[in-house]
Amino acid sequence: LLISFVGSAISYILAGVSYQQSIIVTLVLSRVIVGLVKQTMTISRAITTSLTKKDDGQRTTMLSHIRACSTFAFMIGPALGGLISKHFGMATPAYLAAILFGL
């Protein structure tokens, strides 16, 4: 999970640089990197499955919480990213994503 976060942070930094410098090769490279390392949902589900008990319904509840958070992020994220890029520039959402993954 840590490797996935660090790789994603590096990828989003490269994306921000590519937006600022208008370098398409760097943007493609950033997408390749994030495609290789960003398996956070898969790893999170696997960890949740390993740490919860199937019998008492806790596993179902926890996996449902992960799914709800993911769905909420997919709804809010693009709109928020669009607003941020409109007011602060195209590279800003990429740098913010890198900071969030770096935390």
C-alpha atoms as a PDB file:
ATOM      1  CA  LEU A   1       0.000   0.000   0.000  1.00  0.00           C
ATOM      2  CA  LEU A   2       2.865   2.345   0.812  1.00  0.00           C
ATOM      3  CA  ILE A   3       4.541   1.637  -2.544  1.00  0.00           C
ATOM      4  CA  SER A   4       1.259   2.400  -4.267  1.00  0.00           C
ATOM      5  CA  PHE A   5       0.934   5.751  -2.461  1.00  0.00           C
ATOM      6  CA  VAL A   6       4.530   6.793  -3.159  1.00  0.00           C
ATOM      7  CA  GLY A   7       4.292   5.767  -6.814  1.00  0.00           C
ATOM      8  CA  SER A   8       1.035   7.655  -7.208  1.00  0.00           C
ATOM      9  CA  ALA A   9       2.535  10.773  -5.608  1.00  0.00           C
ATOM     10  CA  ILE A  10       5.494  10.652  -8.004  1.00  0.00           C
ATOM     11  CA  SER A  11       3.150  10.151 -10.937  1.00  0.00           C
ATOM     12  CA  TYR A  12       0.993  13.127 -10.010  1.00  0.00           C
ATOM     13  CA  ILE A  13       4.075  15.333  -9.563  1.00  0.00           C
ATOM     14  CA  LEU A  14       5.137  14.368 -13.098  1.00  0.00           C
ATOM     15  CA  ALA A  15       1.637  15.167 -14.329  1.00  0.00           C
ATOM     16  CA  GLY A  16       1.806  18.612 -12.720  1.00  0.00           C
ATOM     17  CA  VAL A  17       5.179  19.291 -14.309  1.00  0.00           C
ATOM     18  CA  SER A  18       3.887  18.173 -17.691  1.00  0.00           C
ATOM     19  CA  TYR A  19       0.925  20.567 -17.426  1.00  0.00           C
ATOM     20  CA  GLN A  20       3.193  23.478 -16.507  1.00  0.00           C
ATOM     21  CA  GLN A  21       5.841  22.758 -19.151  1.00  0.00           C
ATOM     22  CA  SER A  22       3.446  21.416 -21.844  1.00  0.00           C
ATOM     23  CA  ILE A  23       5.452  18.211 -22.268  1.00  0.00           C
ATOM     24  CA  ILE A  24       3.245  15.396 -23.504  1.00  0.00           C
ATOM     25  CA  VAL A  25       5.902  12.692 -22.980  1.00  0.00           C
ATOM     26  CA  THR A  26       6.035  13.446 -19.247  1.00  0.00           C
ATOM     27  CA  LEU A  27       2.251  13.219 -19.052  1.00  0.00           C
ATOM     28  CA  VAL A  28       2.260   9.826 -20.758  1.00  0.00           C
ATOM     29  CA  LEU A  29       5.063   8.658 -18.447  1.00  0.00           C
ATOM     30  CA  SER A  30       3.078   9.781 -15.396  1.00  0.00           C
ATOM     31  CA  ARG A  31       0.041   7.822 -16.564  1.00  0.00           C
ATOM     32  CA  VAL A  32       2.152   4.704 -17.151  1.00  0.00           C
ATOM     33  CA  ILE A  33       3.605   4.952 -13.641  1.00  0.00           C
ATOM     34  CA  VAL A  34       0.216   5.416 -11.995  1.00  0.00           C
ATOM     35  CA  GLY A  35      -1.158   2.520 -14.034  1.00  0.00           C
ATOM     36  CA  LEU A  36       1.584   0.271 -12.709  1.00  0.00           C
ATOM     37  CA  VAL A  37       1.423   1.213  -9.040  1.00  0.00           C
ATOM     38  CA  LYS A  38      -2.041   2.504  -8.226  1.00  0.00           C
ATOM     39  CA  GLN A  39      -3.760  -0.546  -6.848  1.00  0.00           C
ATOM     40  CA  THR A  40      -4.945   1.090  -3.648  1.00  0.00           C
ATOM     41  CA  MET A  41      -8.540  -0.118  -3.841  1.00  0.00           C
ATOM     42  CA  THR A  42      -7.534  -3.712  -4.490  1.00  0.00           C
ATOM     43  CA  ILE A  43      -5.016  -3.678  -1.644  1.00  0.00           C
ATOM     44  CA  SER A  44      -7.463  -1.943   0.714  1.00  0.00           C
ATOM     45  CA  ARG A  45     -10.130  -4.555   0.029  1.00  0.00           C
ATOM     46  CA  ALA A  46      -7.635  -7.369   0.547  1.00  0.00           C
ATOM     47  CA  ILE A  47      -6.453  -5.915   3.858  1.00  0.00           C
ATOM     48  CA  THR A  48     -10.050  -5.403   5.015  1.00  0.00           C
ATOM     49  CA  THR A  49     -10.934  -8.961   4.077  1.00  0.00           C
ATOM     50  CA  SER A  50      -7.926 -10.277   5.995  1.00  0.00           C
ATOM     51  CA  LEU A  51      -8.598  -8.255   9.136  1.00  0.00           C
ATOM     52  CA  THR A  52     -12.360  -8.751   9.500  1.00  0.00           C
ATOM     53  CA  LYS A  53     -14.477 -11.773  10.372  1.00  0.00           C
ATOM     54  CA  LYS A  54     -16.888 -13.111   7.787  1.00  0.00           C
ATOM     55  CA  ASP A  55     -19.326 -14.619  10.263  1.00  0.00           C
ATOM     56  CA  ASP A  56     -20.567 -11.557  12.136  1.00  0.00           C
ATOM     57  CA  GLY A  57     -21.219  -9.335   9.108  1.00  0.00           C
ATOM     58  CA  GLN A  58     -18.325  -7.029   9.931  1.00  0.00           C
ATOM     59  CA  ARG A  59     -16.571  -7.799   6.639  1.00  0.00           C
ATOM     60  CA  THR A  60     -19.623  -6.890   4.587  1.00  0.00           C
ATOM     61  CA  THR A  61     -20.094  -3.670   6.517  1.00  0.00           C
ATOM     62  CA  MET A  62     -16.466  -2.600   6.158  1.00  0.00           C
ATOM     63  CA  LEU A  63     -16.322  -3.430   2.443  1.00  0.00           C
ATOM     64  CA  SER A  64     -19.538  -1.459   1.962  1.00  0.00           C
ATOM     65  CA  HIS A  65     -17.951   1.540   3.701  1.00  0.00           C
ATOM     66  CA  ILE A  66     -14.948   1.343   1.369  1.00  0.00           C
ATOM     67  CA  ARG A  67     -17.252   1.193  -1.647  1.00  0.00           C
ATOM     68  CA  ALA A  68     -19.349   4.137  -0.426  1.00  0.00           C
ATOM     69  CA  CYS A  69     -16.261   6.281   0.142  1.00  0.00           C
ATOM     70  CA  SER A  70     -14.917   5.362  -3.279  1.00  0.00           C
ATOM     71  CA  THR A  71     -18.208   6.235  -4.983  1.00  0.00           C
ATOM     72  CA  PHE A  72     -18.374   9.565  -3.144  1.00  0.00           C
ATOM     73  CA  ALA A  73     -14.803  10.368  -4.210  1.00  0.00           C
ATOM     74  CA  PHE A  74     -15.576   9.534  -7.845  1.00  0.00           C
ATOM     75  CA  MET A  75     -18.543  11.916  -7.760  1.00  0.00           C
ATOM     76  CA  ILE A  76     -16.878  14.820  -5.958  1.00  0.00           C
ATOM     77  CA  GLY A  77     -13.280  14.499  -7.188  1.00  0.00           C
ATOM     78  CA  PRO A  78     -13.685  15.528 -10.841  1.00  0.00           C
ATOM     79  CA  ALA A  79     -15.898  18.501  -9.976  1.00  0.00           C
ATOM     80  CA  LEU A  80     -13.515  19.669  -7.263  1.00  0.00           C
ATOM     81  CA  GLY A  81     -10.511  19.171  -9.559  1.00  0.00           C
ATOM     82  CA  GLY A  82     -12.231  21.171 -12.285  1.00  0.00           C
ATOM     83  CA  LEU A  83     -12.955  24.055  -9.946  1.00  0.00           C
ATOM     84  CA  ILE A  84      -9.412  24.063  -8.582  1.00  0.00           C
ATOM     85  CA  SER A  85      -7.876  23.999 -12.061  1.00  0.00           C
ATOM     86  CA  LYS A  86     -10.181  26.779 -13.226  1.00  0.00           C
ATOM     87  CA  HIS A  87      -9.118  29.116 -10.421  1.00  0.00           C
ATOM     88  CA  PHE A  88      -5.514  28.057  -9.763  1.00  0.00           C
ATOM     89  CA  GLY A  89      -4.215  26.492 -12.996  1.00  0.00           C
ATOM     90  CA  MET A  90      -4.134  23.081 -14.624  1.00  0.00           C
ATOM     91  CA  ALA A  91      -1.181  21.767 -12.596  1.00  0.00           C
ATOM     92  CA  THR A  92      -2.644  22.539  -9.164  1.00  0.00           C
ATOM     93  CA  PRO A  93      -4.982  19.502  -8.879  1.00  0.00           C
ATOM     94  CA  ALA A  94      -2.088  17.190  -9.783  1.00  0.00           C
ATOM     95  CA  TYR A  95       0.135  18.735  -7.109  1.00  0.00           C
ATOM     96  CA  LEU A  96      -2.667  18.522  -4.529  1.00  0.00           C
ATOM     97  CA  ALA A  97      -3.184  14.845  -5.374  1.00  0.00           C
ATOM     98  CA  ALA A  98       0.560  14.269  -4.951  1.00  0.00           C
ATOM     99  CA  ILE A  99       0.435  15.926  -1.534  1.00  0.00           C
ATOM    100  CA  LEU A 100      -2.558  13.818  -0.473  1.00  0.00           C
ATOM    101  CA  PHE A 101      -0.850  10.597  -1.565  1.00  0.00           C
ATOM    102  CA  GLY A 102       2.357  11.714   0.124  1.00  0.00           C
ATOM    103  CA  LEU A 103       0.687  12.216   3.481  1.00  0.00           C
END
